[in-house]
Amino acid sequence: MELPHMVARLNPMFRWWLDHVVTSVDHNRVMDRVRDDAGWSGRYAFMVLMSAGIAVLGLLLSSPAVVIGAMLISPLMGPIIGLGFGLATFDSDEIRTSASALALGTVLAILFTAALVLISPLQNVTDEIAARTRPNLFDLMVALFSALAGAYAMVRGREGTVVGVAIATALMPPLAVVGFGLATTNWTVFGGALLLFLTNLMTIALAAAVMARLYGFGSHLTPQHTLLQTVLVIGSFVALAIPLGLSLRQIAWETASSRTAREVVAAQFAGDARLSQIEINYARDPISVAAVVLTPKIEPQAERAAAARLTDLLDRPVRVSLEQYRVGTSAQAEAAQIAAARGGPAGAAGDRVTQRIVAQLAVAAGVASDQILVDPANHRILVNATPLPGATMAAYRTLEARVGSGASGWSVELVPPMVALGPVGFDGDEPDTAVRLAWALPVE
């Protein structure tokens, strides 16, 4: 007895599902369509080559638009969906056909992209390549939702949706990165991208199989169903599930560790501090944690304390690198986070400009860099200068103007120390030019 029928006896909702949803599906027509998309053909091979070529060029140029074009024409979803439906129906012929097409397409894509990389003058690891060298929880979730959408589209006759699903799953770019790793003998890139591809493949195939079973695709649709066939299919299912389970275990550990790292780093600062960004590299030994912190008060010992705490919690050596920026209030910190996310002055390029201005202002004011207040939200930098021997109020204003001239887009304010003003001269009833300069008044 099929699983849906057994469950239907126990639950009225499943009985409704079986009577009103499953019976509305033309199972034989759907299986014919799945078989048409899952096999090897000249069209399939050509589209694999074109998709792989576009993907690797987009990765080398670090162009997301070109990479999306490769995903748009990638035919790999067909065999993977076919593999899932084959597992659901215990159809060993369908499994063999889909797996063969998938394996040949995978090898063809890797070799073709490796050949293109070998003749390419660009062989640097770009941001687009680096982003596809390690599976994470979000990659897994994308693959899961894509598989459910793809299986639903096949069952309900919405094949056009599979194009969008192909874009979401991004199966071809990881294969292109595998080819890049092979051509450049970068085995870290090669292994990471291959793991990402296999994780996505297994997730999609298993999710598609579960979706197909829910819609009533079972062994009764298999022309010749035998005990040996059942054993082989179950073995294939387990073979897919074991590495996926191991990958899930690692992903779950990294996800929990990332949450722990954020909490530990944040705990080193007062409540008004904000983590602008945090990056964790689990492939390095020791584990590398880098973060940007917007805080009202600089904490010199934060890196050491956070590294010790994380090493204890994760039971692995951890190195922490923190960039601390002084901001006045919690509201300013939150505004700075938004500015960083938008690529504003608190972003990566803006940080470099800010550091240059802060360094110049620290020298001019005679203070340490951590005594300078940076307000990225309002493009304002403020410092209270220390008394400089022989410096007058006009001298401090000159220093402020000199630093401000090289800080385009920023308001630089150097507050002079409390010093004796000395004799005040007048031109008639108004202070003279020297006094106006000292008090930053307009000079006619």
Protein backbone atom coordinates (compact mmCIF):
# COMPACT_ATOMS: atom_id res chain seq x y z
CA MET A 1 0.00 0.00 0.00
CA GLU A 2 1.34 3.45 -0.96
CA LEU A 3 2.34 5.80 1.85
CA PRO A 4 -0.30 8.48 1.02
CA HIS A 5 -3.08 5.87 1.21
CA MET A 6 -1.83 4.58 4.55
CA VAL A 7 -1.64 8.09 6.00
CA ALA A 8 -5.05 9.00 4.57
CA ARG A 9 -6.68 6.36 6.77
CA LEU A 10 -5.32 8.09 9.85
CA ASN A 11 -5.75 11.78 9.02
CA PRO A 12 -8.75 13.46 7.33
CA MET A 13 -6.55 16.22 5.94
CA PHE A 14 -4.41 13.71 4.11
CA ARG A 15 -7.56 12.00 2.91
CA TRP A 16 -8.69 15.32 1.45
CA TRP A 17 -5.24 15.80 -0.10
CA LEU A 18 -5.42 12.37 -1.67
CA ASP A 19 -8.97 12.77 -3.02
CA HIS A 20 -8.80 16.34 -4.28
CA VAL A 21 -5.15 17.07 -5.09
CA VAL A 22 -3.37 13.83 -5.91
CA THR A 23 -6.21 12.60 -8.13
CA SER A 24 -6.07 15.83 -10.15
CA VAL A 25 -2.52 15.10 -11.32
CA ASP A 26 -1.91 13.27 -14.60
CA HIS A 27 0.98 11.19 -13.30
CA ASN A 28 1.84 9.47 -16.58
CA ARG A 29 1.97 12.75 -18.50
CA VAL A 30 4.19 14.32 -15.84
CA MET A 31 6.57 11.34 -15.88
CA ASP A 32 6.82 11.56 -19.68
CA ARG A 33 7.75 15.23 -19.38
CA VAL A 34 10.32 14.50 -16.66
CA ARG A 35 11.93 11.80 -18.81
CA ASP A 36 12.14 14.17 -21.78
CA ASP A 37 14.10 16.71 -19.73
CA ALA A 38 16.28 14.26 -17.82
CA GLY A 39 18.15 12.41 -20.56
CA TRP A 40 21.32 13.03 -22.54
CA SER A 41 20.96 14.70 -25.92
CA GLY A 42 22.84 16.94 -28.33
CA ARG A 43 20.80 19.93 -27.20
CA TYR A 44 21.59 19.16 -23.55
CA ALA A 45 25.35 18.91 -24.24
CA PHE A 46 25.35 22.16 -26.24
CA MET A 47 23.49 24.08 -23.55
CA VAL A 48 25.85 22.73 -20.87
CA LEU A 49 28.84 24.03 -22.85
CA MET A 50 27.28 27.43 -23.48
CA SER A 51 26.15 27.82 -19.89
CA ALA A 52 29.54 26.77 -18.53
CA GLY A 53 31.37 29.15 -20.86
CA ILE A 54 29.21 32.12 -19.90
CA ALA A 55 29.50 31.23 -16.20
CA VAL A 56 33.29 31.07 -16.11
CA LEU A 57 33.65 34.33 -18.05
CA GLY A 58 31.25 36.04 -15.67
CA LEU A 59 33.20 34.69 -12.69
CA LEU A 60 36.55 35.83 -14.10
CA LEU A 61 35.13 39.28 -14.84
CA SER A 62 33.34 39.31 -11.45
CA SER A 63 30.12 40.25 -13.26
CA PRO A 64 26.93 39.08 -11.50
CA ALA A 65 24.85 39.93 -14.59
CA VAL A 66 26.87 37.56 -16.80
CA VAL A 67 26.73 34.82 -14.16
CA ILE A 68 22.93 35.16 -14.03
CA GLY A 69 22.87 34.71 -17.81
CA ALA A 70 24.68 31.39 -17.39
CA MET A 71 22.19 30.23 -14.79
CA LEU A 72 19.33 31.21 -17.08
CA ILE A 73 20.26 28.70 -19.78
CA SER A 74 21.69 25.95 -17.57
CA PRO A 75 19.97 22.59 -18.31
CA LEU A 76 21.18 20.79 -15.17
CA MET A 77 17.87 21.05 -13.32
CA GLY A 78 16.28 18.55 -15.72
CA PRO A 79 18.42 15.52 -14.78
CA ILE A 80 18.36 16.40 -11.07
CA ILE A 81 14.55 16.63 -11.01
CA GLY A 82 14.49 13.39 -13.01
CA LEU A 83 16.73 11.76 -10.40
CA GLY A 84 14.33 12.85 -7.65
CA PHE A 85 11.27 11.51 -9.45
CA GLY A 86 13.14 8.30 -10.20
CA LEU A 87 13.82 7.84 -6.49
CA ALA A 88 10.16 8.54 -5.71
CA THR A 89 8.86 5.97 -8.21
CA PHE A 90 11.57 3.36 -7.58
CA ASP A 91 12.40 3.52 -11.29
CA SER A 92 15.97 2.33 -11.69
CA ASP A 93 15.97 3.10 -15.44
CA GLU A 94 15.03 6.71 -14.78
CA ILE A 95 17.66 6.97 -12.04
CA ARG A 96 20.32 5.53 -14.33
CA THR A 97 19.35 7.80 -17.25
CA SER A 98 19.25 10.95 -15.10
CA ALA A 99 22.44 10.14 -13.20
CA SER A 100 24.31 9.43 -16.46
CA ALA A 101 23.19 12.70 -18.05
CA LEU A 102 24.07 14.60 -14.87
CA ALA A 103 27.51 12.99 -14.55
CA LEU A 104 28.40 13.55 -18.22
CA GLY A 105 27.16 17.15 -18.08
CA THR A 106 29.15 17.79 -14.90
CA VAL A 107 32.40 16.43 -16.34
CA LEU A 108 31.84 18.29 -19.62
CA ALA A 109 31.26 21.59 -17.79
CA ILE A 110 34.32 21.19 -15.57
CA LEU A 111 36.69 20.30 -18.42
CA PHE A 112 35.37 23.06 -20.68
CA THR A 113 35.66 25.76 -18.01
CA ALA A 114 39.14 24.53 -17.06
CA ALA A 115 40.22 24.84 -20.70
CA LEU A 116 38.86 28.40 -20.90
CA VAL A 117 40.68 29.39 -17.72
CA LEU A 118 43.96 27.95 -19.01
CA ILE A 119 43.88 30.18 -22.10
CA SER A 120 42.56 33.20 -20.20
CA PRO A 121 44.90 36.01 -19.10
CA LEU A 122 42.65 36.48 -16.04
CA GLN A 123 43.24 33.83 -13.41
CA ASN A 124 42.68 35.76 -10.18
CA VAL A 125 40.25 34.60 -7.49
CA THR A 126 37.53 37.23 -7.85
CA ASP A 127 34.76 37.99 -5.36
CA GLU A 128 32.29 35.97 -7.46
CA ILE A 129 34.61 32.95 -7.36
CA ALA A 130 35.34 33.24 -3.64
CA ALA A 131 31.61 33.41 -2.88
CA ARG A 132 31.16 29.90 -4.30
CA THR A 133 33.84 28.00 -2.45
CA ARG A 134 31.98 27.04 0.71
CA PRO A 135 28.38 25.89 1.28
CA ASN A 136 26.46 27.54 4.09
CA LEU A 137 22.99 27.37 5.58
CA PHE A 138 21.55 29.89 3.13
CA ASP A 139 22.87 27.93 0.12
CA LEU A 140 21.16 24.86 1.50
CA MET A 141 17.88 26.69 2.03
CA VAL A 142 17.98 28.12 -1.51
CA ALA A 143 18.51 24.61 -2.90
CA LEU A 144 15.66 23.22 -0.79
CA PHE A 145 13.13 25.88 -1.79
CA SER A 146 14.24 25.65 -5.41
CA ALA A 147 13.71 21.90 -5.45
CA LEU A 148 10.21 22.25 -4.03
CA ALA A 149 9.38 24.94 -6.60
CA GLY A 150 10.86 22.91 -9.46
CA ALA A 151 9.02 19.72 -8.53
CA TYR A 152 5.76 21.64 -8.12
CA ALA A 153 6.26 23.28 -11.52
CA MET A 154 6.73 19.89 -13.17
CA VAL A 155 3.71 18.36 -11.44
CA ARG A 156 1.41 21.30 -12.17
CA GLY A 157 2.54 21.92 -15.73
CA ARG A 158 4.36 25.17 -15.02
CA GLU A 159 7.59 24.26 -16.78
CA GLY A 160 8.46 27.91 -17.37
CA THR A 161 8.97 28.29 -13.64
CA VAL A 162 11.91 25.89 -13.83
CA VAL A 163 13.89 28.64 -15.59
CA GLY A 164 13.57 30.81 -12.51
CA VAL A 165 14.41 27.84 -10.34
CA ALA A 166 17.58 27.27 -12.37
CA ILE A 167 18.63 30.85 -11.62
CA ALA A 168 17.95 30.44 -7.92
CA THR A 169 19.84 27.19 -7.46
CA ALA A 170 22.95 28.46 -9.25
CA LEU A 171 24.16 24.98 -10.15
CA MET A 172 26.41 25.95 -13.05
CA PRO A 173 28.57 28.67 -11.36
CA PRO A 174 29.94 26.27 -8.71
CA LEU A 175 30.89 23.85 -11.50
CA ALA A 176 32.67 26.69 -13.31
CA VAL A 177 34.56 27.44 -10.08
CA VAL A 178 35.52 23.75 -9.88
CA GLY A 179 36.96 24.09 -13.40
CA PHE A 180 38.81 27.24 -12.32
CA GLY A 181 40.31 25.41 -9.34
CA LEU A 182 41.38 22.53 -11.57
CA ALA A 183 43.02 24.82 -14.14
CA THR A 184 44.86 26.89 -11.54
CA THR A 185 45.61 23.86 -9.29
CA ASN A 186 43.93 25.71 -6.44
CA TRP A 187 42.60 22.70 -4.55
CA THR A 188 40.97 24.77 -1.82
CA VAL A 189 38.77 26.46 -4.43
CA PHE A 190 38.28 23.16 -6.26
CA GLY A 191 37.18 21.21 -3.18
CA GLY A 192 34.98 23.97 -1.74
CA ALA A 193 33.10 24.59 -4.99
CA LEU A 194 32.65 20.86 -5.61
CA LEU A 195 31.22 20.43 -2.11
CA LEU A 196 28.80 23.32 -2.75
CA PHE A 197 27.64 21.75 -6.03
CA LEU A 198 27.18 18.28 -4.50
CA THR A 199 25.32 19.73 -1.50
CA ASN A 200 22.92 21.57 -3.80
CA LEU A 201 22.52 18.51 -6.04
CA MET A 202 21.70 16.14 -3.17
CA THR A 203 19.34 18.61 -1.53
CA ILE A 204 17.42 19.20 -4.77
CA ALA A 205 17.21 15.49 -5.65
CA LEU A 206 15.99 14.41 -2.21
CA ALA A 207 13.54 17.31 -1.86
CA ALA A 208 12.15 16.59 -5.34
CA ALA A 209 11.70 12.93 -4.37
CA VAL A 210 9.75 13.89 -1.24
CA MET A 211 7.61 16.35 -3.22
CA ALA A 212 6.89 13.70 -5.85
CA ARG A 213 5.78 11.19 -3.19
CA LEU A 214 3.40 13.76 -1.71
CA TYR A 215 1.77 14.11 -5.11
CA GLY A 216 1.26 10.38 -5.43
CA PHE A 217 4.24 9.40 -7.59
CA GLY A 218 5.02 5.89 -6.38
CA SER A 219 6.21 2.48 -7.44
CA HIS A 220 2.92 1.77 -9.28
CA LEU A 221 4.20 4.06 -12.05
CA THR A 222 7.28 1.89 -12.64
CA PRO A 223 6.80 -0.57 -15.53
CA GLN A 224 8.90 -3.36 -14.00
CA HIS A 225 9.18 -3.08 -10.26
CA THR A 226 11.31 -5.75 -8.53
CA LEU A 227 12.80 -6.32 -5.10
CA LEU A 228 16.31 -5.78 -6.48
CA GLN A 229 15.16 -2.50 -7.97
CA THR A 230 13.81 -1.42 -4.58
CA VAL A 231 17.09 -2.30 -2.87
CA LEU A 232 19.11 -0.38 -5.45
CA VAL A 233 16.90 2.70 -5.16
CA ILE A 234 17.03 2.69 -1.36
CA GLY A 235 20.79 2.29 -1.59
CA SER A 236 20.96 5.32 -3.90
CA PHE A 237 18.80 7.28 -1.49
CA VAL A 238 21.10 6.44 1.41
CA ALA A 239 24.19 7.22 -0.69
CA LEU A 240 22.81 10.70 -1.30
CA ALA A 241 21.64 11.20 2.27
CA ILE A 242 24.90 10.30 4.06
CA PRO A 243 27.17 13.00 2.55
CA LEU A 244 24.31 15.48 2.76
CA GLY A 245 23.95 14.67 6.46
CA LEU A 246 27.68 15.20 7.02
CA SER A 247 27.54 18.51 5.18
CA LEU A 248 24.49 19.54 7.21
CA ARG A 249 26.35 18.77 10.41
CA GLN A 250 29.25 21.03 9.41
CA ILE A 251 26.89 23.77 8.24
CA ALA A 252 24.96 23.61 11.51
CA TRP A 253 28.19 23.90 13.53
CA GLU A 254 29.37 26.88 11.50
CA THR A 255 25.99 28.59 11.82
CA ALA A 256 26.01 28.17 15.60
CA SER A 257 29.64 29.29 15.77
CA SER A 258 28.89 32.43 13.76
CA ARG A 259 26.13 33.35 16.20
CA THR A 260 28.49 32.72 19.12
CA ALA A 261 31.21 34.87 17.53
CA ARG A 262 28.83 37.81 17.11
CA GLU A 263 27.68 37.54 20.71
CA VAL A 264 31.21 37.29 22.11
CA VAL A 265 32.55 40.22 20.09
CA ALA A 266 29.52 42.37 20.98
CA ALA A 267 29.94 41.49 24.66
CA GLN A 268 33.36 43.19 24.72
CA PHE A 269 31.75 46.60 24.23
CA ALA A 270 29.14 48.77 25.92
CA GLY A 271 25.48 48.49 24.97
CA ASP A 272 25.66 51.47 22.58
CA ALA A 273 28.22 49.72 20.37
CA ARG A 274 27.20 48.15 17.05
CA LEU A 275 28.80 45.46 14.90
CA SER A 276 28.87 46.96 11.41
CA GLN A 277 30.12 43.76 9.79
CA ILE A 278 31.75 40.48 10.77
CA GLU A 279 33.55 37.93 8.61
CA ILE A 280 34.55 34.45 9.77
CA ASN A 281 36.91 32.14 7.87
CA TYR A 282 36.61 28.58 9.13
CA ALA A 283 39.09 27.25 6.57
CA ARG A 284 42.02 29.02 8.24
CA ASP A 285 43.94 27.66 11.21
CA PRO A 286 43.39 29.34 13.58
CA ILE A 287 39.85 30.36 12.69
CA SER A 288 39.85 33.99 11.58
CA VAL A 289 37.23 36.43 12.92
CA ALA A 290 37.33 39.99 11.52
CA ALA A 291 34.81 42.64 12.52
CA VAL A 292 34.14 46.37 12.27
CA VAL A 293 32.78 47.86 15.51
CA LEU A 294 31.15 51.28 15.90
CA THR A 295 31.54 52.19 19.55
CA PRO A 296 31.46 55.27 21.80
CA LYS A 297 34.55 53.96 23.62
CA ILE A 298 37.61 52.21 22.20
CA GLU A 299 38.40 48.93 23.98
CA PRO A 300 42.14 48.12 23.53
CA GLN A 301 41.84 44.64 25.06
CA ALA A 302 38.73 43.58 23.11
CA GLU A 303 40.60 41.49 20.52
CA ARG A 304 42.53 39.48 23.10
CA ALA A 305 39.50 38.90 25.33
CA ALA A 306 37.25 37.88 22.42
CA ALA A 307 39.88 35.50 21.01
CA ALA A 308 40.37 33.79 24.37
CA ARG A 309 36.64 33.43 24.94
CA LEU A 310 35.95 32.06 21.45
CA THR A 311 38.85 29.61 21.68
CA ASP A 312 37.34 28.27 24.88
CA LEU A 313 33.77 28.06 23.51
CA LEU A 314 34.58 26.59 20.08
CA ASP A 315 37.38 24.33 21.32
CA ARG A 316 39.51 25.49 18.40
CA PRO A 317 42.13 28.25 18.20
CA VAL A 318 40.63 31.57 17.08
CA ARG A 319 42.29 34.80 16.00
CA VAL A 320 40.20 37.99 16.27
CA SER A 321 40.87 41.22 14.37
CA LEU A 322 38.71 44.24 15.23
CA GLU A 323 38.52 47.65 13.57
CA GLN A 324 37.04 50.05 16.11
CA TYR A 325 35.55 53.41 15.14
CA ARG A 326 34.43 55.95 17.70
CA VAL A 327 30.90 57.24 17.29
CA GLY A 328 29.09 59.37 19.82
CA THR A 329 25.76 57.62 20.42
CA SER A 330 23.81 54.48 19.69
CA ALA A 331 21.73 56.37 17.11
CA GLN A 332 24.90 57.45 15.31
CA ALA A 333 26.16 53.87 15.33
CA GLU A 334 22.93 52.63 13.79
CA ALA A 335 23.06 55.33 11.13
CA ALA A 336 26.66 54.37 10.39
CA GLN A 337 25.60 50.74 9.90
CA ILE A 338 23.04 51.84 7.32
CA ALA A 339 25.62 54.02 5.59
CA ALA A 340 28.02 51.07 5.42
CA ALA A 341 25.33 48.81 3.97
CA ARG A 342 24.61 51.40 1.28
CA GLY A 343 28.28 51.63 0.41
CA GLY A 344 28.60 55.11 1.91
CA PRO A 345 31.50 56.64 3.81
CA ALA A 346 31.38 53.84 6.39
CA GLY A 347 31.87 51.21 3.69
CA ALA A 348 35.18 49.65 2.67
CA ALA A 349 36.35 52.54 0.47
CA GLY A 350 35.00 55.07 2.94
CA ASP A 351 36.91 53.41 5.78
CA ARG A 352 40.19 54.02 3.97
CA VAL A 353 39.35 57.70 3.44
CA THR A 354 38.28 58.04 7.06
CA GLN A 355 41.47 56.44 8.33
CA ARG A 356 43.57 58.88 6.29
CA ILE A 357 41.64 61.90 7.61
CA VAL A 358 41.81 60.59 11.19
CA ALA A 359 45.58 60.06 10.93
CA GLN A 360 46.16 63.58 9.62
CA LEU A 361 43.88 65.14 12.22
CA ALA A 362 45.55 63.18 15.04
CA VAL A 363 48.93 64.66 14.07
CA ALA A 364 47.51 68.15 13.73
CA ALA A 365 45.70 68.03 17.07
CA GLY A 366 48.49 66.23 18.93
CA VAL A 367 46.23 63.40 20.13
CA ALA A 368 45.92 59.64 19.64
CA SER A 369 43.64 58.38 16.85
CA ASP A 370 41.23 56.81 19.33
CA GLN A 371 40.50 60.28 20.76
CA ILE A 372 38.91 61.43 17.51
CA LEU A 373 35.12 61.25 17.15
CA VAL A 374 33.95 59.94 13.77
CA ASP A 375 30.31 60.43 12.81
CA PRO A 376 29.88 58.65 9.42
CA ALA A 377 26.14 59.32 9.30
CA ASN A 378 26.69 63.11 9.19
CA HIS A 379 30.13 63.04 7.50
CA ARG A 380 31.62 64.78 10.53
CA ILE A 381 34.95 64.31 12.32
CA LEU A 382 35.64 66.12 15.60
CA VAL A 383 38.67 66.33 17.86
CA ASN A 384 39.65 68.33 20.93
CA ALA A 385 43.21 69.50 20.36
CA THR A 386 45.89 69.46 23.03
CA PRO A 387 47.82 72.67 23.77
CA LEU A 388 50.64 73.09 21.26
CA PRO A 389 53.61 75.26 22.31
CA GLY A 390 53.33 78.71 20.81
CA ALA A 391 50.15 77.92 18.87
CA THR A 392 47.55 80.67 18.67
CA MET A 393 43.83 80.34 18.00
CA ALA A 394 44.49 81.29 14.39
CA ALA A 395 47.09 78.50 14.14
CA TYR A 396 44.53 75.90 15.23
CA ARG A 397 42.09 77.16 12.65
CA THR A 398 44.79 76.94 9.98
CA LEU A 399 45.47 73.33 10.93
CA GLU A 400 41.74 72.56 10.77
CA ALA A 401 41.47 74.14 7.31
CA ARG A 402 44.53 72.25 6.06
CA VAL A 403 43.13 68.85 7.06
CA GLY A 404 39.63 69.77 5.87
CA SER A 405 40.91 70.71 2.40
CA GLY A 406 41.83 67.07 1.79
CA ALA A 407 38.64 65.65 3.26
CA SER A 408 36.13 66.16 0.48
CA GLY A 409 32.58 65.55 1.65
CA TRP A 410 33.49 65.62 5.36
CA SER A 411 33.14 68.33 7.98
CA VAL A 412 36.39 68.48 9.95
CA GLU A 413 36.23 70.29 13.31
CA LEU A 414 39.34 70.88 15.41
CA VAL A 415 38.31 72.35 18.76
CA PRO A 416 41.21 74.40 20.18
CA PRO A 417 42.19 74.05 23.84
CA MET A 418 41.31 76.65 26.44
CA VAL A 419 44.12 79.24 26.24
CA ALA A 420 44.45 82.90 27.06
CA LEU A 421 43.23 84.97 24.12
CA GLY A 422 45.56 87.89 24.79
CA PRO A 423 44.89 91.52 23.84
CA VAL A 424 41.83 92.07 21.68
CA GLY A 425 42.12 94.68 18.94
CA PHE A 426 39.27 96.57 17.30
CA ASP A 427 38.68 98.24 13.97
CA GLY A 428 36.25 100.89 15.03
CA ASP A 429 33.42 99.13 16.81
CA GLU A 430 34.26 95.63 15.39
CA PRO A 431 36.99 93.12 16.39
CA ASP A 432 40.01 93.22 14.11
CA THR A 433 40.94 90.51 11.58
CA ALA A 434 43.13 88.50 14.01
CA VAL A 435 40.29 88.18 16.51
CA ARG A 436 37.83 87.20 13.78
CA LEU A 437 40.16 84.44 12.60
CA ALA A 438 40.61 83.22 16.18
CA TRP A 439 36.86 82.96 16.75
CA ALA A 440 36.07 81.64 13.24
CA LEU A 441 34.04 84.78 12.42
CA PRO A 442 33.53 85.91 8.82
CA VAL A 443 36.28 88.13 7.48
CA GLU A 444 35.20 90.89 5.07
